Amino acid sequence: MGSTSGEENEEPRPVLSLREIEILSLLEQGFTVRDIADKLILSAHTIRTHRNNIRKKMGCRNTTQMVAKAIRAGWI
């Protein structure tokens, strides 16, 4: 018999650093890489590296898919 809680079908949340969660949240809010870099006083290259690491951890092909997946799952 199946579980009524639906937990069997839920995807496990990837382990993200606090910085990665912060960047994911800012991307969800519509900030660009340059905006995020300026806000966090980091280089755009560093933000792109974090974004790519998040994308890989979440198993996504692009930023849009990554943000949509995080919103649907309630991670952000």
N, C-alpha and C. Protein backbone atom coordinates (compact mmCIF):
# COMPACT_ATOMS: atom_id res chain seq x y z
N MET A 1 0.83 -1.18 0.00
CA MET A 1 0.00 0.00 0.00
C MET A 1 0.87 1.24 0.00
N GLY A 2 0.40 2.27 -0.70
CA GLY A 2 1.17 3.50 -0.79
C GLY A 2 0.94 4.42 0.39
N SER A 3 1.87 5.29 0.60
CA SER A 3 1.79 6.26 1.68
C SER A 3 0.88 7.41 1.26
N THR A 4 0.07 7.90 2.17
CA THR A 4 -0.81 9.01 1.84
C THR A 4 -0.13 10.35 2.05
N SER A 5 1.04 10.36 2.64
CA SER A 5 1.73 11.63 2.90
C SER A 5 2.40 12.19 1.65
N GLY A 6 2.62 11.37 0.63
CA GLY A 6 3.27 11.82 -0.60
C GLY A 6 4.76 11.94 -0.49
N GLU A 7 5.33 11.58 0.64
CA GLU A 7 6.76 11.74 0.83
C GLU A 7 7.59 10.82 -0.06
N GLU A 8 7.02 9.72 -0.51
CA GLU A 8 7.77 8.79 -1.36
C GLU A 8 8.14 9.44 -2.69
N ASN A 9 7.32 10.38 -3.16
CA ASN A 9 7.55 11.01 -4.46
C ASN A 9 8.34 12.31 -4.35
N GLU A 10 8.58 12.78 -3.14
CA GLU A 10 9.32 14.02 -2.98
C GLU A 10 10.80 13.80 -3.27
N GLU A 11 11.37 14.77 -3.98
CA GLU A 11 12.79 14.71 -4.29
C GLU A 11 13.58 15.21 -3.08
N PRO A 12 14.66 14.53 -2.74
CA PRO A 12 15.45 15.01 -1.59
C PRO A 12 16.06 16.37 -1.89
N ARG A 13 16.12 17.20 -0.88
CA ARG A 13 16.69 18.53 -1.02
C ARG A 13 18.20 18.41 -1.12
N PRO A 14 18.80 19.06 -2.14
CA PRO A 14 20.27 18.99 -2.26
C PRO A 14 20.91 19.77 -1.12
N VAL A 15 22.11 19.38 -0.76
CA VAL A 15 22.84 20.07 0.29
C VAL A 15 23.51 21.30 -0.33
N LEU A 16 22.99 22.46 0.03
CA LEU A 16 23.53 23.71 -0.48
C LEU A 16 24.13 24.50 0.68
N SER A 17 25.21 25.22 0.39
CA SER A 17 25.81 26.08 1.40
C SER A 17 24.90 27.29 1.63
N LEU A 18 25.12 27.99 2.72
CA LEU A 18 24.33 29.19 2.99
C LEU A 18 24.49 30.22 1.87
N ARG A 19 25.69 30.33 1.32
CA ARG A 19 25.94 31.26 0.21
C ARG A 19 25.16 30.83 -1.03
N GLU A 20 25.14 29.53 -1.31
CA GLU A 20 24.39 29.04 -2.47
C GLU A 20 22.90 29.29 -2.31
N ILE A 21 22.37 29.10 -1.10
CA ILE A 21 20.95 29.38 -0.85
C ILE A 21 20.67 30.86 -1.04
N GLU A 22 21.57 31.70 -0.56
CA GLU A 22 21.41 33.15 -0.73
C GLU A 22 21.39 33.52 -2.21
N ILE A 23 22.30 32.97 -2.99
CA ILE A 23 22.37 33.27 -4.42
C ILE A 23 21.13 32.73 -5.14
N LEU A 24 20.70 31.53 -4.80
CA LEU A 24 19.50 30.96 -5.41
C LEU A 24 18.29 31.86 -5.13
N SER A 25 18.18 32.34 -3.91
CA SER A 25 17.08 33.23 -3.54
C SER A 25 17.13 34.54 -4.32
N LEU A 26 18.32 35.09 -4.48
CA LEU A 26 18.46 36.34 -5.24
C LEU A 26 18.13 36.12 -6.73
N LEU A 27 18.52 34.98 -7.28
CA LEU A 27 18.16 34.66 -8.66
C LEU A 27 16.64 34.57 -8.80
N GLU A 28 16.00 33.96 -7.81
CA GLU A 28 14.54 33.82 -7.83
C GLU A 28 13.87 35.19 -7.79
N GLN A 29 14.51 36.16 -7.14
CA GLN A 29 13.97 37.51 -7.05
C GLN A 29 14.22 38.34 -8.31
N GLY A 30 14.94 37.76 -9.27
CA GLY A 30 15.17 38.44 -10.55
C GLY A 30 16.47 39.19 -10.67
N PHE A 31 17.34 39.07 -9.68
CA PHE A 31 18.63 39.75 -9.76
C PHE A 31 19.50 39.09 -10.82
N THR A 32 20.29 39.89 -11.53
CA THR A 32 21.24 39.37 -12.51
C THR A 32 22.52 38.96 -11.78
N VAL A 33 23.38 38.26 -12.49
CA VAL A 33 24.67 37.87 -11.93
C VAL A 33 25.43 39.11 -11.47
N ARG A 34 25.45 40.16 -12.29
CA ARG A 34 26.16 41.39 -11.95
C ARG A 34 25.53 42.04 -10.72
N ASP A 35 24.18 42.07 -10.64
CA ASP A 35 23.49 42.63 -9.47
C ASP A 35 23.89 41.90 -8.20
N ILE A 36 23.90 40.58 -8.27
CA ILE A 36 24.24 39.75 -7.11
C ILE A 36 25.69 39.98 -6.71
N ALA A 37 26.57 40.02 -7.70
CA ALA A 37 28.00 40.26 -7.42
C ALA A 37 28.19 41.59 -6.70
N ASP A 38 27.51 42.63 -7.18
CA ASP A 38 27.62 43.95 -6.54
C ASP A 38 27.05 43.92 -5.13
N LYS A 39 25.92 43.27 -4.96
CA LYS A 39 25.25 43.21 -3.65
C LYS A 39 26.10 42.45 -2.62
N LEU A 40 26.73 41.36 -3.05
CA LEU A 40 27.50 40.52 -2.13
C LEU A 40 28.99 40.86 -2.11
N ILE A 41 29.36 41.85 -2.90
CA ILE A 41 30.76 42.29 -3.02
C ILE A 41 31.65 41.10 -3.42
N LEU A 42 31.24 40.46 -4.50
CA LEU A 42 31.98 39.34 -5.09
C LEU A 42 32.10 39.60 -6.58
N SER A 43 32.94 38.83 -7.26
CA SER A 43 33.05 38.98 -8.71
C SER A 43 31.91 38.24 -9.40
N ALA A 44 31.59 38.68 -10.60
CA ALA A 44 30.57 38.01 -11.40
C ALA A 44 30.99 36.57 -11.67
N HIS A 45 32.28 36.35 -11.84
CA HIS A 45 32.79 34.99 -12.07
C HIS A 45 32.46 34.08 -10.88
N THR A 46 32.64 34.60 -9.67
CA THR A 46 32.34 33.81 -8.47
C THR A 46 30.86 33.47 -8.40
N ILE A 47 30.00 34.43 -8.75
CA ILE A 47 28.56 34.18 -8.73
C ILE A 47 28.19 33.13 -9.78
N ARG A 48 28.78 33.23 -10.97
CA ARG A 48 28.51 32.22 -12.01
C ARG A 48 28.98 30.83 -11.56
N THR A 49 30.11 30.77 -10.86
CA THR A 49 30.61 29.49 -10.34
C THR A 49 29.63 28.91 -9.32
N HIS A 50 29.16 29.73 -8.39
CA HIS A 50 28.17 29.27 -7.42
C HIS A 50 26.90 28.80 -8.13
N ARG A 51 26.43 29.59 -9.11
CA ARG A 51 25.21 29.23 -9.85
C ARG A 51 25.38 27.88 -10.54
N ASN A 52 26.52 27.66 -11.15
CA ASN A 52 26.75 26.38 -11.83
C ASN A 52 26.84 25.23 -10.84
N ASN A 53 27.44 25.47 -9.68
CA ASN A 53 27.50 24.43 -8.65
C ASN A 53 26.10 24.07 -8.14
N ILE A 54 25.27 25.09 -7.93
CA ILE A 54 23.89 24.86 -7.49
C ILE A 54 23.15 24.04 -8.55
N ARG A 55 23.28 24.47 -9.80
CA ARG A 55 22.60 23.81 -10.91
C ARG A 55 22.98 22.33 -10.98
N LYS A 56 24.25 22.03 -10.83
CA LYS A 56 24.72 20.64 -10.88
C LYS A 56 24.18 19.84 -9.70
N LYS A 57 24.22 20.43 -8.49
CA LYS A 57 23.71 19.74 -7.31
C LYS A 57 22.22 19.43 -7.44
N MET A 58 21.49 20.32 -8.12
CA MET A 58 20.05 20.13 -8.28
C MET A 58 19.69 19.30 -9.51
N GLY A 59 20.70 18.97 -10.33
CA GLY A 59 20.45 18.16 -11.52
C GLY A 59 19.68 18.91 -12.60
N CYS A 60 19.95 20.20 -12.75
CA CYS A 60 19.23 21.03 -13.71
C CYS A 60 20.14 21.42 -14.88
N ARG A 61 19.51 21.71 -16.01
CA ARG A 61 20.27 22.09 -17.20
C ARG A 61 20.52 23.58 -17.30
N ASN A 62 19.66 24.38 -16.68
CA ASN A 62 19.83 25.83 -16.77
C ASN A 62 19.26 26.52 -15.53
N THR A 63 19.46 27.82 -15.46
CA THR A 63 19.06 28.60 -14.28
C THR A 63 17.54 28.62 -14.14
N THR A 64 16.82 28.75 -15.24
CA THR A 64 15.37 28.79 -15.17
C THR A 64 14.81 27.51 -14.56
N GLN A 65 15.30 26.38 -15.03
CA GLN A 65 14.87 25.10 -14.50
C GLN A 65 15.23 24.98 -13.02
N MET A 66 16.40 25.45 -12.65
CA MET A 66 16.88 25.38 -11.28
C MET A 66 15.98 26.19 -10.34
N VAL A 67 15.67 27.43 -10.72
CA VAL A 67 14.83 28.27 -9.88
C VAL A 67 13.41 27.71 -9.80
N ALA A 68 12.87 27.28 -10.93
CA ALA A 68 11.52 26.72 -10.94
C ALA A 68 11.43 25.48 -10.05
N LYS A 69 12.43 24.63 -10.12
CA LYS A 69 12.45 23.41 -9.30
C LYS A 69 12.50 23.75 -7.82
N ALA A 70 13.32 24.74 -7.45
CA ALA A 70 13.43 25.16 -6.05
C ALA A 70 12.12 25.74 -5.54
N ILE A 71 11.43 26.51 -6.38
CA ILE A 71 10.15 27.09 -5.98
C ILE A 71 9.10 26.00 -5.81
N ARG A 72 8.99 25.10 -6.80
CA ARG A 72 7.99 24.01 -6.74
C ARG A 72 8.19 23.15 -5.50
N ALA A 73 9.44 22.91 -5.16
CA ALA A 73 9.75 22.04 -4.01
C ALA A 73 9.64 22.79 -2.67
N GLY A 74 9.50 24.11 -2.74
CA GLY A 74 9.39 24.90 -1.52
C GLY A 74 10.73 25.13 -0.83
N TRP A 75 11.81 25.01 -1.57
CA TRP A 75 13.15 25.20 -0.99
C TRP A 75 13.48 26.66 -0.82
N ILE A 76 12.84 27.51 -1.63
CA ILE A 76 13.04 28.97 -1.51
C ILE A 76 11.68 29.64 -1.60
